[in-house]
Amino acid sequence: MKKILLAFDSFKGSVGSLDIAKAAEKAILKVYPHCNITTFPIADGGEGTTEAICTGLNVDRISCLVHDPLMNPIEVTYGITRDGTTAILEMAAASGLPLVPDLLRNPMNTST
C-alpha cells in the first residue's frame, strides 16, 4: 500500500491549501485507489495561516467584522484554543493583498 502526505500552502489569491489537497487526493485515488492519503495544510504566515493551524488544533472559530485595506467592513475568522489560552489569527485576513483589486493597489490609498 502506498502512503502519501499532501502538504500544500495556499496559492495566493486563488485557492486554499485544503482545496488543493482535496483536488490532489481525488486525482491520486483515481490512479491508486487503495492508497493511504493524509492531508496536512501548511502556511507561511500569510493567507490561510489561521485555517492551517486551526485544522490541527482543538479550537473554537470566532467571526468578527474588521476593516479591509480600503476601509470596507469585512468578516474574518480567528481561532481560540478550547482552554482559552491561545488565539490564532492572521493579519492577512484583514489586510492581505488579495483583498485589494489590482486597479486600487496604491499604498497611498490603503491601510495596513
C-alpha atoms as a PDB file:
ATOM      1  CA  MET A   1       0.000   0.000   0.000  1.00  0.00           C
ATOM      2  CA  LYS A   2       1.272   3.446  -0.896  1.00  0.00           C
ATOM      3  CA  LYS A   3       1.231   6.207   1.714  1.00  0.00           C
ATOM      4  CA  ILE A   4       1.172   9.821   0.613  1.00  0.00           C
ATOM      5  CA  LEU A   5       1.234  13.018   2.669  1.00  0.00           C
ATOM      6  CA  LEU A   6      -0.222  16.052   0.915  1.00  0.00           C
ATOM      7  CA  ALA A   7       1.027  19.300   2.470  1.00  0.00           C
ATOM      8  CA  PHE A   8       0.171  22.381   0.436  1.00  0.00           C
ATOM      9  CA  ASP A   9       0.307  26.088   1.123  1.00  0.00           C
ATOM     10  CA  SER A  10      -2.447  28.167  -0.463  1.00  0.00           C
ATOM     11  CA  PHE A  11      -1.976  29.727  -3.880  1.00  0.00           C
ATOM     12  CA  LYS A  12      -2.122  33.469  -3.194  1.00  0.00           C
ATOM     13  CA  GLY A  13      -5.493  34.911  -4.060  1.00  0.00           C
ATOM     14  CA  SER A  14      -6.830  31.824  -5.793  1.00  0.00           C
ATOM     15  CA  VAL A  15      -7.215  28.594  -3.825  1.00  0.00           C
ATOM     16  CA  GLY A  16      -6.726  27.448  -0.237  1.00  0.00           C
ATOM     17  CA  SER A  17      -4.420  24.674   0.948  1.00  0.00           C
ATOM     18  CA  LEU A  18      -7.275  22.322   1.897  1.00  0.00           C
ATOM     19  CA  ASP A  19      -8.922  22.756  -1.516  1.00  0.00           C
ATOM     20  CA  ILE A  20      -5.649  21.969  -3.282  1.00  0.00           C
ATOM     21  CA  ALA A  21      -5.141  18.874  -1.131  1.00  0.00           C
ATOM     22  CA  LYS A  22      -8.688  17.626  -1.826  1.00  0.00           C
ATOM     23  CA  ALA A  23      -8.185  18.006  -5.584  1.00  0.00           C
ATOM     24  CA  ALA A  24      -4.813  16.235  -5.455  1.00  0.00           C
ATOM     25  CA  GLU A  25      -6.246  13.437  -3.304  1.00  0.00           C
ATOM     26  CA  LYS A  26      -9.091  12.890  -5.768  1.00  0.00           C
ATOM     27  CA  ALA A  27      -6.645  12.677  -8.692  1.00  0.00           C
ATOM     28  CA  ILE A  28      -4.280  10.315  -6.853  1.00  0.00           C
ATOM     29  CA  LEU A  29      -7.093   7.973  -5.827  1.00  0.00           C
ATOM     30  CA  LYS A  30      -8.116   7.606  -9.482  1.00  0.00           C
ATOM     31  CA  VAL A  31      -4.700   6.101 -10.209  1.00  0.00           C
ATOM     32  CA  TYR A  32      -4.017   4.460  -6.822  1.00  0.00           C
ATOM     33  CA  PRO A  33      -7.446   3.648  -5.360  1.00  0.00           C
ATOM     34  CA  HIS A  34      -6.019   1.787  -2.340  1.00  0.00           C
ATOM     35  CA  CYS A  35      -3.550   4.498  -1.413  1.00  0.00           C
ATOM     36  CA  ASN A  36      -3.496   5.851   2.151  1.00  0.00           C
ATOM     37  CA  ILE A  37      -3.541   9.662   1.871  1.00  0.00           C
ATOM     38  CA  THR A  38      -3.114  12.132   4.707  1.00  0.00           C
ATOM     39  CA  THR A  39      -3.640  15.845   4.156  1.00  0.00           C
ATOM     40  CA  PHE A  40      -1.876  18.453   6.225  1.00  0.00           C
ATOM     41  CA  PRO A  41      -2.456  22.125   5.403  1.00  0.00           C
ATOM     42  CA  ILE A  42       0.525  24.415   5.858  1.00  0.00           C
ATOM     43  CA  ALA A  43       1.026  28.167   5.601  1.00  0.00           C
ATOM     44  CA  ASP A  44       3.792  30.726   5.567  1.00  0.00           C
ATOM     45  CA  GLY A  45       2.137  33.244   7.875  1.00  0.00           C
ATOM     46  CA  GLY A  46       0.016  34.919   5.194  1.00  0.00           C
ATOM     47  CA  GLU A  47      -3.361  33.975   3.764  1.00  0.00           C
ATOM     48  CA  GLY A  48      -4.553  30.631   5.078  1.00  0.00           C
ATOM     49  CA  THR A  49      -2.402  30.535   8.211  1.00  0.00           C
ATOM     50  CA  THR A  50      -5.323  30.607  10.636  1.00  0.00           C
ATOM     51  CA  GLU A  51      -7.104  27.802   8.784  1.00  0.00           C
ATOM     52  CA  ALA A  52      -3.951  25.688   8.548  1.00  0.00           C
ATOM     53  CA  ILE A  53      -3.164  25.962  12.253  1.00  0.00           C
ATOM     54  CA  CYS A  54      -6.761  25.609  13.433  1.00  0.00           C
ATOM     55  CA  THR A  55      -7.240  22.446  11.376  1.00  0.00           C
ATOM     56  CA  GLY A  56      -4.725  20.653  13.590  1.00  0.00           C
ATOM     57  CA  LEU A  57      -5.896  22.054  16.926  1.00  0.00           C
ATOM     58  CA  ASN A  58      -8.966  21.803  19.125  1.00  0.00           C
ATOM     59  CA  VAL A  59     -10.235  25.364  18.635  1.00  0.00           C
ATOM     60  CA  ASP A  60     -13.366  27.427  18.569  1.00  0.00           C
ATOM     61  CA  ARG A  61     -13.627  29.606  15.488  1.00  0.00           C
ATOM     62  CA  ILE A  62     -14.895  33.131  16.046  1.00  0.00           C
ATOM     63  CA  SER A  63     -16.004  35.593  13.377  1.00  0.00           C
ATOM     64  CA  CYS A  64     -15.911  39.357  13.676  1.00  0.00           C
ATOM     65  CA  LEU A  65     -16.146  42.453  11.488  1.00  0.00           C
ATOM     66  CA  VAL A  66     -12.962  44.382  10.676  1.00  0.00           C
ATOM     67  CA  HIS A  67     -11.924  46.871   8.008  1.00  0.00           C
ATOM     68  CA  ASP A  68     -10.035  45.792   4.909  1.00  0.00           C
ATOM     69  CA  PRO A  69      -7.165  47.911   3.464  1.00  0.00           C
ATOM     70  CA  LEU A  70      -9.704  50.173   1.739  1.00  0.00           C
ATOM     71  CA  MET A  71     -11.669  50.600   4.999  1.00  0.00           C
ATOM     72  CA  ASN A  72     -14.584  48.439   3.831  1.00  0.00           C
ATOM     73  CA  PRO A  73     -16.092  46.242   6.556  1.00  0.00           C
ATOM     74  CA  ILE A  74     -15.375  42.533   6.074  1.00  0.00           C
ATOM     75  CA  GLU A  75     -15.902  39.440   8.189  1.00  0.00           C
ATOM     76  CA  VAL A  76     -12.829  37.485   9.298  1.00  0.00           C
ATOM     77  CA  THR A  77     -12.396  34.376  11.406  1.00  0.00           C
ATOM     78  CA  TYR A  78      -9.858  33.564  14.077  1.00  0.00           C
ATOM     79  CA  GLY A  79      -9.398  30.648  16.443  1.00  0.00           C
ATOM     80  CA  ILE A  80      -9.265  30.383  20.230  1.00  0.00           C
ATOM     81  CA  THR A  81      -7.999  27.167  21.790  1.00  0.00           C
ATOM     82  CA  ARG A  82     -10.644  25.450  23.898  1.00  0.00           C
ATOM     83  CA  ASP A  83      -8.649  26.134  27.064  1.00  0.00           C
ATOM     84  CA  GLY A  84      -8.786  29.846  26.203  1.00  0.00           C
ATOM     85  CA  THR A  85      -5.034  30.390  26.421  1.00  0.00           C
ATOM     86  CA  THR A  86      -4.141  30.881  22.759  1.00  0.00           C
ATOM     87  CA  ALA A  87      -5.556  32.905  19.878  1.00  0.00           C
ATOM     88  CA  ILE A  88      -4.731  32.080  16.267  1.00  0.00           C
ATOM     89  CA  LEU A  89      -5.167  34.923  13.818  1.00  0.00           C
ATOM     90  CA  GLU A  90      -3.538  36.325  10.732  1.00  0.00           C
ATOM     91  CA  MET A  91      -3.222  39.916   9.700  1.00  0.00           C
ATOM     92  CA  ALA A  92      -3.597  38.861   6.060  1.00  0.00           C
ATOM     93  CA  ALA A  93      -7.275  38.082   6.693  1.00  0.00           C
ATOM     94  CA  ALA A  94      -7.873  41.808   7.141  1.00  0.00           C
ATOM     95  CA  SER A  95      -5.100  43.366   5.074  1.00  0.00           C
ATOM     96  CA  GLY A  96      -3.880  40.761   2.588  1.00  0.00           C
ATOM     97  CA  LEU A  97      -3.106  41.764  -0.975  1.00  0.00           C
ATOM     98  CA  PRO A  98      -5.924  39.630  -2.467  1.00  0.00           C
ATOM     99  CA  LEU A  99      -8.402  41.934  -0.691  1.00  0.00           C
ATOM    100  CA  VAL A 100      -7.413  44.874  -2.895  1.00  0.00           C
ATOM    101  CA  PRO A 101      -8.434  44.825  -6.568  1.00  0.00           C
ATOM    102  CA  ASP A 102      -5.487  45.320  -8.955  1.00  0.00           C
ATOM    103  CA  LEU A 103      -6.663  48.762 -10.076  1.00  0.00           C
ATOM    104  CA  LEU A 104      -6.827  50.017  -6.482  1.00  0.00           C
ATOM    105  CA  ARG A 105      -3.405  48.787  -5.322  1.00  0.00           C
ATOM    106  CA  ASN A 106      -1.921  52.108  -4.317  1.00  0.00           C
ATOM    107  CA  PRO A 107      -0.213  52.312  -0.905  1.00  0.00           C
ATOM    108  CA  MET A 108      -1.192  55.979  -0.665  1.00  0.00           C
ATOM    109  CA  ASN A 109      -4.881  54.960  -0.563  1.00  0.00           C
ATOM    110  CA  THR A 110      -4.804  51.861   1.648  1.00  0.00           C
ATOM    111  CA  SER A 111      -4.113  50.968   5.255  1.00  0.00           C
ATOM    112  CA  THR A 112      -2.392  48.029   6.910  1.00  0.00           C
END
